[in-house]
Amino acid sequence: MPAKNSILRKAIDGQILSTDFFRRHWLPVLGVIAMLMIYITNRYTCQTQMETIQRLEKQLEVAKTERIREKSTYMSRIRESRMQHKVDSLRLGLTVQEQPPYSLHLD
């Protein structure tokens, strides 16, 4: 157990990560720091891109819903105009009411 005790004692005294340690091992320390910076940058970039993807997927869903609504409105107008054209060609004398029908309530 003296080896563990001496490593613990050196860590407490600040002798493990001393200036001499960095002087001797500057290249591996610099490599580890560079790797950590690359990891942090990569993670941040990935996270921001995931947020952008989620935001764009929501916008796409809204656009799809809007397209379906507009298509439905368009198809409804086309059917109405075709029916009006057919009524006019048969000369039935029918027209589109300007006012909605009245509802009569009998008590």
C-alpha atoms as a PDB file:
ATOM      1  CA  MET A   1       0.000   0.000   0.000  1.00  0.00           C
ATOM      2  CA  PRO A   2       2.884   2.442   0.119  1.00  0.00           C
ATOM      3  CA  ALA A   3       2.615   3.039  -3.652  1.00  0.00           C
ATOM      4  CA  LYS A   4      -1.034   4.175  -3.430  1.00  0.00           C
ATOM      5  CA  ASN A   5      -0.280   6.239  -0.393  1.00  0.00           C
ATOM      6  CA  SER A   6       2.612   7.964  -2.130  1.00  0.00           C
ATOM      7  CA  ILE A   7       0.511   8.728  -5.268  1.00  0.00           C
ATOM      8  CA  LEU A   8      -2.250  10.100  -3.069  1.00  0.00           C
ATOM      9  CA  ARG A   9       0.276  12.127  -1.090  1.00  0.00           C
ATOM     10  CA  LYS A  10       1.803  13.514  -4.334  1.00  0.00           C
ATOM     11  CA  ALA A  11      -1.668  14.466  -5.617  1.00  0.00           C
ATOM     12  CA  ILE A  12      -2.508  16.266  -2.397  1.00  0.00           C
ATOM     13  CA  ASP A  13       0.846  18.061  -2.383  1.00  0.00           C
ATOM     14  CA  GLY A  14       0.405  19.050  -6.056  1.00  0.00           C
ATOM     15  CA  GLN A  15       3.475  17.192  -7.241  1.00  0.00           C
ATOM     16  CA  ILE A  16       1.730  15.025  -9.893  1.00  0.00           C
ATOM     17  CA  LEU A  17       0.600  17.925 -12.071  1.00  0.00           C
ATOM     18  CA  SER A  18       3.500  20.209 -11.433  1.00  0.00           C
ATOM     19  CA  THR A  19       5.199  22.537 -13.876  1.00  0.00           C
ATOM     20  CA  ASP A  20       7.844  19.914 -14.419  1.00  0.00           C
ATOM     21  CA  PHE A  21       5.178  17.393 -15.460  1.00  0.00           C
ATOM     22  CA  PHE A  22       3.814  19.802 -18.098  1.00  0.00           C
ATOM     23  CA  ARG A  23       7.338  20.597 -19.285  1.00  0.00           C
ATOM     24  CA  ARG A  24       8.085  16.905 -19.845  1.00  0.00           C
ATOM     25  CA  HIS A  25       4.694  15.925 -21.285  1.00  0.00           C
ATOM     26  CA  TRP A  26       3.572  19.055 -23.124  1.00  0.00           C
ATOM     27  CA  LEU A  27       2.773  17.298 -26.407  1.00  0.00           C
ATOM     28  CA  PRO A  28       0.370  14.658 -24.977  1.00  0.00           C
ATOM     29  CA  VAL A  29      -1.292  17.313 -22.770  1.00  0.00           C
ATOM     30  CA  LEU A  30      -1.741  19.565 -25.799  1.00  0.00           C
ATOM     31  CA  GLY A  31      -3.156  16.601 -27.742  1.00  0.00           C
ATOM     32  CA  VAL A  32      -5.670  15.801 -24.983  1.00  0.00           C
ATOM     33  CA  ILE A  33      -6.752  19.446 -24.788  1.00  0.00           C
ATOM     34  CA  ALA A  34      -7.159  19.588 -28.584  1.00  0.00           C
ATOM     35  CA  MET A  35      -9.205  16.367 -28.550  1.00  0.00           C
ATOM     36  CA  LEU A  36     -11.456  17.767 -25.791  1.00  0.00           C
ATOM     37  CA  MET A  37     -11.988  20.990 -27.743  1.00  0.00           C
ATOM     38  CA  ILE A  38     -12.839  19.036 -30.898  1.00  0.00           C
ATOM     39  CA  TYR A  39     -15.277  16.857 -28.924  1.00  0.00           C
ATOM     40  CA  ILE A  40     -17.008  19.868 -27.370  1.00  0.00           C
ATOM     41  CA  THR A  41     -17.225  21.661 -30.733  1.00  0.00           C
ATOM     42  CA  ASN A  42     -18.582  18.558 -32.448  1.00  0.00           C
ATOM     43  CA  ARG A  43     -21.197  18.006 -29.752  1.00  0.00           C
ATOM     44  CA  TYR A  44     -22.326  21.661 -29.875  1.00  0.00           C
ATOM     45  CA  THR A  45     -22.572  21.593 -33.677  1.00  0.00           C
ATOM     46  CA  CYS A  46     -24.529  18.342 -33.609  1.00  0.00           C
ATOM     47  CA  GLN A  47     -26.922  19.678 -30.977  1.00  0.00           C
ATOM     48  CA  THR A  48     -27.606  22.928 -32.862  1.00  0.00           C
ATOM     49  CA  GLN A  49     -28.164  21.015 -36.102  1.00  0.00           C
ATOM     50  CA  MET A  50     -30.605  18.656 -34.360  1.00  0.00           C
ATOM     51  CA  GLU A  51     -32.546  21.677 -33.065  1.00  0.00           C
ATOM     52  CA  THR A  52     -32.592  23.136 -36.588  1.00  0.00           C
ATOM     53  CA  ILE A  53     -33.862  19.829 -37.990  1.00  0.00           C
ATOM     54  CA  GLN A  54     -36.657  19.697 -35.401  1.00  0.00           C
ATOM     55  CA  ARG A  55     -37.648  23.294 -36.147  1.00  0.00           C
ATOM     56  CA  LEU A  56     -37.689  22.628 -39.901  1.00  0.00           C
ATOM     57  CA  GLU A  57     -39.716  19.430 -39.438  1.00  0.00           C
ATOM     58  CA  LYS A  58     -42.341  21.431 -37.523  1.00  0.00           C
ATOM     59  CA  GLN A  59     -42.412  24.043 -40.297  1.00  0.00           C
ATOM     60  CA  LEU A  60     -42.763  21.271 -42.887  1.00  0.00           C
ATOM     61  CA  GLU A  61     -45.682  19.757 -40.990  1.00  0.00           C
ATOM     62  CA  VAL A  62     -47.405  23.165 -40.878  1.00  0.00           C
ATOM     63  CA  ALA A  63     -46.763  23.653 -44.607  1.00  0.00           C
ATOM     64  CA  LYS A  64     -48.201  20.205 -45.406  1.00  0.00           C
ATOM     65  CA  THR A  65     -51.319  20.957 -43.365  1.00  0.00           C
ATOM     66  CA  GLU A  66     -51.701  24.316 -45.104  1.00  0.00           C
ATOM     67  CA  ARG A  67     -51.299  22.655 -48.509  1.00  0.00           C
ATOM     68  CA  ILE A  68     -53.992  20.093 -47.711  1.00  0.00           C
ATOM     69  CA  ARG A  69     -56.345  22.849 -46.541  1.00  0.00           C
ATOM     70  CA  GLU A  70     -55.721  24.920 -49.676  1.00  0.00           C
ATOM     71  CA  LYS A  71     -56.181  21.883 -51.906  1.00  0.00           C
ATOM     72  CA  SER A  72     -59.480  21.120 -50.200  1.00  0.00           C
ATOM     73  CA  THR A  73     -60.667  24.695 -50.707  1.00  0.00           C
ATOM     74  CA  TYR A  74     -59.584  24.619 -54.351  1.00  0.00           C
ATOM     75  CA  MET A  75     -61.305  21.294 -55.032  1.00  0.00           C
ATOM     76  CA  SER A  76     -64.475  22.584 -53.390  1.00  0.00           C
ATOM     77  CA  ARG A  77     -64.486  25.660 -55.637  1.00  0.00           C
ATOM     78  CA  ILE A  78     -63.858  23.597 -58.751  1.00  0.00           C
ATOM     79  CA  ARG A  79     -66.780  21.279 -57.933  1.00  0.00           C
ATOM     80  CA  GLU A  80     -69.014  24.263 -57.277  1.00  0.00           C
ATOM     81  CA  SER A  81     -68.053  25.956 -60.542  1.00  0.00           C
ATOM     82  CA  ARG A  82     -68.556  22.713 -62.510  1.00  0.00           C
ATOM     83  CA  MET A  83     -71.969  22.230 -60.970  1.00  0.00           C
ATOM     84  CA  GLN A  84     -72.884  25.849 -61.776  1.00  0.00           C
ATOM     85  CA  HIS A  85     -71.688  25.355 -65.368  1.00  0.00           C
ATOM     86  CA  LYS A  86     -73.793  22.187 -65.706  1.00  0.00           C
ATOM     87  CA  VAL A  87     -76.884  23.936 -64.257  1.00  0.00           C
ATOM     88  CA  ASP A  88     -76.352  26.850 -66.649  1.00  0.00           C
ATOM     89  CA  SER A  89     -75.936  24.541 -69.659  1.00  0.00           C
ATOM     90  CA  LEU A  90     -79.195  22.743 -68.790  1.00  0.00           C
ATOM     91  CA  ARG A  91     -80.938  26.128 -68.348  1.00  0.00           C
ATOM     92  CA  LEU A  92     -82.564  25.119 -65.081  1.00  0.00           C
ATOM     93  CA  GLY A  93     -82.619  28.667 -63.762  1.00  0.00           C
ATOM     94  CA  LEU A  94     -81.013  27.758 -60.457  1.00  0.00           C
ATOM     95  CA  THR A  95     -78.670  30.187 -58.713  1.00  0.00           C
ATOM     96  CA  VAL A  96     -76.465  30.147 -55.653  1.00  0.00           C
ATOM     97  CA  GLN A  97     -78.149  31.651 -52.607  1.00  0.00           C
ATOM     98  CA  GLU A  98     -76.470  34.699 -51.166  1.00  0.00           C
ATOM     99  CA  GLN A  99     -77.869  34.087 -47.677  1.00  0.00           C
ATOM    100  CA  PRO A 100     -77.655  30.858 -45.706  1.00  0.00           C
ATOM    101  CA  PRO A 101     -80.923  28.990 -45.132  1.00  0.00           C
ATOM    102  CA  TYR A 102     -83.060  30.011 -42.189  1.00  0.00           C
ATOM    103  CA  SER A 103     -83.578  27.644 -39.299  1.00  0.00           C
ATOM    104  CA  LEU A 104     -87.099  27.621 -37.903  1.00  0.00           C
ATOM    105  CA  HIS A 105     -87.570  26.466 -34.345  1.00  0.00           C
ATOM    106  CA  LEU A 106     -91.013  25.301 -33.334  1.00  0.00           C
ATOM    107  CA  ASP A 107     -91.684  25.344 -29.637  1.00  0.00           C
END
